[in-house]
Amino acid sequence: MAITNGIYSALSGATAATRRFDNSASNVANLESVAAPRGSTETTDAEGNSLFRPQRSIDSTTTTGGVRSSQQLVDPVSVQRYDPDAPDADADGLVNRPNVSIEREVVDQIAAQKQFEANLATIRTADELFESTLDILG
């Protein structure tokens, strides 16, 4: 039925928006975390602490008409900054921090919110159509 297909597509879009927002929030929350060195595949530092690797959400359509969200590592995963007082600074005072742009993350979060709202409006409209159909048939 066309109404249920619309609801499925909207639900998958809302789920993708939620994942996109969650991913962006994680990037912002870890803005000052220790990151893996550029070009490295390391996941922990010498003491066994996790290294943060920022990601981007990539949405793609599915064959059934929905949306699938996947995560892709930001390339490069880190940038070096001068911070000689940081505990993880090297001999030159450089530290690896996640390659995260707060401006881009704000834009991603606004886009994810609008994406979620649009899909929620589609679900509401499909629900109203379904109720109207039941009223006509009843």
C-alpha atoms as a PDB file:
ATOM      1  CA  MET A   1       0.000   0.000   0.000  1.00  0.00           C
ATOM      2  CA  ALA A   2       1.326   3.457  -0.975  1.00  0.00           C
ATOM      3  CA  ILE A   3       0.660   4.986   2.452  1.00  0.00           C
ATOM      4  CA  THR A   4       2.804   2.402   4.236  1.00  0.00           C
ATOM      5  CA  ASN A   5       5.598   2.888   1.662  1.00  0.00           C
ATOM      6  CA  GLY A   6       5.550   6.605   2.426  1.00  0.00           C
ATOM      7  CA  ILE A   7       5.676   5.929   6.152  1.00  0.00           C
ATOM      8  CA  TYR A   8       8.582   3.494   5.697  1.00  0.00           C
ATOM      9  CA  SER A   9      10.536   6.043   3.645  1.00  0.00           C
ATOM     10  CA  ALA A  10       9.863   8.790   6.177  1.00  0.00           C
ATOM     11  CA  LEU A  11      10.834   6.567   9.121  1.00  0.00           C
ATOM     12  CA  SER A  12      14.101   5.600   7.473  1.00  0.00           C
ATOM     13  CA  GLY A  13      14.753   9.290   6.712  1.00  0.00           C
ATOM     14  CA  ALA A  14      14.050  10.241  10.340  1.00  0.00           C
ATOM     15  CA  THR A  15      16.388   7.479  11.516  1.00  0.00           C
ATOM     16  CA  ALA A  16      19.111   8.716   9.149  1.00  0.00           C
ATOM     17  CA  ALA A  17      18.641  12.265  10.468  1.00  0.00           C
ATOM     18  CA  THR A  18      18.987  10.999  14.035  1.00  0.00           C
ATOM     19  CA  ARG A  19      22.211   9.169  13.178  1.00  0.00           C
ATOM     20  CA  ARG A  20      23.532  12.253  11.397  1.00  0.00           C
ATOM     21  CA  PHE A  21      22.811  14.423  14.442  1.00  0.00           C
ATOM     22  CA  ASP A  22      24.308  11.864  16.851  1.00  0.00           C
ATOM     23  CA  ASN A  23      27.471  11.627  14.762  1.00  0.00           C
ATOM     24  CA  SER A  24      27.853  15.402  14.631  1.00  0.00           C
ATOM     25  CA  ALA A  25      27.257  15.693  18.379  1.00  0.00           C
ATOM     26  CA  SER A  26      29.996  13.103  18.970  1.00  0.00           C
ATOM     27  CA  ASN A  27      32.400  15.098  16.801  1.00  0.00           C
ATOM     28  CA  VAL A  28      31.647  18.274  18.771  1.00  0.00           C
ATOM     29  CA  ALA A  29      31.906  16.522  22.142  1.00  0.00           C
ATOM     30  CA  ASN A  30      35.344  15.166  21.184  1.00  0.00           C
ATOM     31  CA  LEU A  31      36.669  18.386  19.672  1.00  0.00           C
ATOM     32  CA  GLU A  32      39.556  18.473  22.167  1.00  0.00           C
ATOM     33  CA  SER A  33      40.122  14.711  22.407  1.00  0.00           C
ATOM     34  CA  VAL A  34      43.404  13.092  21.457  1.00  0.00           C
ATOM     35  CA  ALA A  35      43.178  11.993  17.835  1.00  0.00           C
ATOM     36  CA  ALA A  36      45.020   9.407  15.825  1.00  0.00           C
ATOM     37  CA  PRO A  37      48.011  10.842  13.958  1.00  0.00           C
ATOM     38  CA  ARG A  38      47.396  11.827  10.347  1.00  0.00           C
ATOM     39  CA  GLY A  39      47.597   8.800   8.075  1.00  0.00           C
ATOM     40  CA  SER A  40      47.621   6.394  11.018  1.00  0.00           C
ATOM     41  CA  THR A  41      45.285   3.463  11.553  1.00  0.00           C
ATOM     42  CA  GLU A  42      46.004   3.385  15.297  1.00  0.00           C
ATOM     43  CA  THR A  43      42.972   3.208  17.572  1.00  0.00           C
ATOM     44  CA  THR A  44      44.812   3.539  20.918  1.00  0.00           C
ATOM     45  CA  ASP A  45      47.812   5.480  22.181  1.00  0.00           C
ATOM     46  CA  ALA A  46      50.893   4.011  23.875  1.00  0.00           C
ATOM     47  CA  GLU A  47      49.036   3.811  27.229  1.00  0.00           C
ATOM     48  CA  GLY A  48      46.062   2.016  25.684  1.00  0.00           C
ATOM     49  CA  ASN A  49      43.726   5.051  25.685  1.00  0.00           C
ATOM     50  CA  SER A  50      41.293   5.320  22.772  1.00  0.00           C
ATOM     51  CA  LEU A  51      42.124   7.780  20.016  1.00  0.00           C
ATOM     52  CA  PHE A  52      39.172   9.690  18.565  1.00  0.00           C
ATOM     53  CA  ARG A  53      38.500   9.387  14.848  1.00  0.00           C
ATOM     54  CA  PRO A  54      35.874  11.876  13.571  1.00  0.00           C
ATOM     55  CA  GLN A  55      33.285  10.637  11.102  1.00  0.00           C
ATOM     56  CA  ARG A  56      30.790  12.008   8.575  1.00  0.00           C
ATOM     57  CA  SER A  57      27.334  10.598   7.951  1.00  0.00           C
ATOM     58  CA  ILE A  58      26.604   9.654   4.357  1.00  0.00           C
ATOM     59  CA  ASP A  59      22.957   9.109   3.363  1.00  0.00           C
ATOM     60  CA  SER A  60      22.036   6.991   0.347  1.00  0.00           C
ATOM     61  CA  THR A  61      18.762   5.746  -1.065  1.00  0.00           C
ATOM     62  CA  THR A  62      17.782   2.103  -0.852  1.00  0.00           C
ATOM     63  CA  THR A  63      16.115   0.017  -3.520  1.00  0.00           C
ATOM     64  CA  THR A  64      12.912  -0.007  -1.443  1.00  0.00           C
ATOM     65  CA  GLY A  65      12.711   3.797  -1.438  1.00  0.00           C
ATOM     66  CA  GLY A  66      14.103   4.454   2.016  1.00  0.00           C
ATOM     67  CA  VAL A  67      17.315   6.053   3.220  1.00  0.00           C
ATOM     68  CA  ARG A  68      20.361   4.315   4.648  1.00  0.00           C
ATOM     69  CA  SER A  69      22.904   6.216   6.717  1.00  0.00           C
ATOM     70  CA  SER A  70      26.511   5.073   6.911  1.00  0.00           C
ATOM     71  CA  GLN A  71      29.581   6.505   8.604  1.00  0.00           C
ATOM     72  CA  GLN A  72      32.789   7.480   6.860  1.00  0.00           C
ATOM     73  CA  LEU A  73      36.019   8.602   8.523  1.00  0.00           C
ATOM     74  CA  VAL A  74      37.006  12.228   7.984  1.00  0.00           C
ATOM     75  CA  ASP A  75      40.176  12.439   5.884  1.00  0.00           C
ATOM     76  CA  PRO A  76      42.559  13.371   7.374  1.00  0.00           C
ATOM     77  CA  VAL A  77      41.346  12.282  10.807  1.00  0.00           C
ATOM     78  CA  SER A  78      43.542  14.764  12.678  1.00  0.00           C
ATOM     79  CA  VAL A  79      45.299  18.074  12.508  1.00  0.00           C
ATOM     80  CA  GLN A  80      48.349  19.111  14.488  1.00  0.00           C
ATOM     81  CA  ARG A  81      48.173  22.086  16.830  1.00  0.00           C
ATOM     82  CA  TYR A  82      50.774  23.782  18.938  1.00  0.00           C
ATOM     83  CA  ASP A  83      49.955  23.203  22.607  1.00  0.00           C
ATOM     84  CA  PRO A  84      53.180  22.584  24.555  1.00  0.00           C
ATOM     85  CA  ASP A  85      51.286  22.404  27.885  1.00  0.00           C
ATOM     86  CA  ALA A  86      49.107  19.474  26.790  1.00  0.00           C
ATOM     87  CA  PRO A  87      50.004  16.151  28.414  1.00  0.00           C
ATOM     88  CA  ASP A  88      50.158  14.455  24.996  1.00  0.00           C
ATOM     89  CA  ALA A  89      52.385  17.112  23.372  1.00  0.00           C
ATOM     90  CA  ASP A  90      55.462  15.861  21.544  1.00  0.00           C
ATOM     91  CA  ALA A  91      58.957  17.344  21.935  1.00  0.00           C
ATOM     92  CA  ASP A  92      58.019  20.201  19.569  1.00  0.00           C
ATOM     93  CA  GLY A  93      54.849  21.003  21.538  1.00  0.00           C
ATOM     94  CA  LEU A  94      52.515  19.589  18.850  1.00  0.00           C
ATOM     95  CA  VAL A  95      49.376  17.603  19.585  1.00  0.00           C
ATOM     96  CA  ASN A  96      47.011  15.670  17.321  1.00  0.00           C
ATOM     97  CA  ARG A  97      43.411  16.829  17.550  1.00  0.00           C
ATOM     98  CA  PRO A  98      40.376  15.642  15.556  1.00  0.00           C
ATOM     99  CA  ASN A  99      39.888  17.278  12.172  1.00  0.00           C
ATOM    100  CA  VAL A 100      36.528  18.741  13.196  1.00  0.00           C
ATOM    101  CA  SER A 101      35.153  22.081  12.078  1.00  0.00           C
ATOM    102  CA  ILE A 102      32.648  23.461  14.572  1.00  0.00           C
ATOM    103  CA  GLU A 103      31.071  25.522  11.772  1.00  0.00           C
ATOM    104  CA  ARG A 104      30.477  22.444   9.635  1.00  0.00           C
ATOM    105  CA  GLU A 105      29.078  20.546  12.618  1.00  0.00           C
ATOM    106  CA  VAL A 106      26.575  23.342  13.341  1.00  0.00           C
ATOM    107  CA  VAL A 107      25.442  23.252   9.710  1.00  0.00           C
ATOM    108  CA  ASP A 108      25.172  19.426   9.854  1.00  0.00           C
ATOM    109  CA  GLN A 109      23.098  19.611  13.036  1.00  0.00           C
ATOM    110  CA  ILE A 110      20.727  22.201  11.560  1.00  0.00           C
ATOM    111  CA  ALA A 111      20.379  20.118   8.388  1.00  0.00           C
ATOM    112  CA  ALA A 112      19.720  16.971  10.444  1.00  0.00           C
ATOM    113  CA  GLN A 113      17.030  18.799  12.423  1.00  0.00           C
ATOM    114  CA  LYS A 114      15.316  20.000   9.218  1.00  0.00           C
ATOM    115  CA  GLN A 115      15.624  16.507   7.711  1.00  0.00           C
ATOM    116  CA  PHE A 116      13.981  15.022  10.805  1.00  0.00           C
ATOM    117  CA  GLU A 117      11.187  17.626  10.810  1.00  0.00           C
ATOM    118  CA  ALA A 118      10.433  17.038   7.112  1.00  0.00           C
ATOM    119  CA  ASN A 119      10.204  13.286   7.613  1.00  0.00           C
ATOM    120  CA  LEU A 120       8.008  13.734  10.675  1.00  0.00           C
ATOM    121  CA  ALA A 121       5.657  15.938   8.625  1.00  0.00           C
ATOM    122  CA  THR A 122       5.464  13.159   6.023  1.00  0.00           C
ATOM    123  CA  ILE A 123       4.553  10.622   8.722  1.00  0.00           C
ATOM    124  CA  ARG A 124       1.850  12.930  10.087  1.00  0.00           C
ATOM    125  CA  THR A 125       0.374  13.445   6.613  1.00  0.00           C
ATOM    126  CA  ALA A 126       0.389   9.704   5.902  1.00  0.00           C
ATOM    127  CA  ASP A 127      -1.333   9.099   9.246  1.00  0.00           C
ATOM    128  CA  GLU A 128      -4.033  11.655   8.388  1.00  0.00           C
ATOM    129  CA  LEU A 129      -4.546  10.050   4.961  1.00  0.00           C
ATOM    130  CA  PHE A 130      -4.817   6.635   6.553  1.00  0.00           C
ATOM    131  CA  GLU A 131      -7.403   7.902   9.065  1.00  0.00           C
ATOM    132  CA  SER A 132      -9.409   9.590   6.271  1.00  0.00           C
ATOM    133  CA  THR A 133      -9.373   6.365   4.254  1.00  0.00           C
ATOM    134  CA  LEU A 134     -10.658   4.412   7.263  1.00  0.00           C
ATOM    135  CA  ASP A 135     -13.405   7.016   7.806  1.00  0.00           C
ATOM    136  CA  ILE A 136     -14.507   6.711   4.171  1.00  0.00           C
ATOM    137  CA  LEU A 137     -14.495   2.917   4.294  1.00  0.00           C
ATOM    138  CA  GLY A 138     -16.158   2.776   7.738  1.00  0.00           C
END
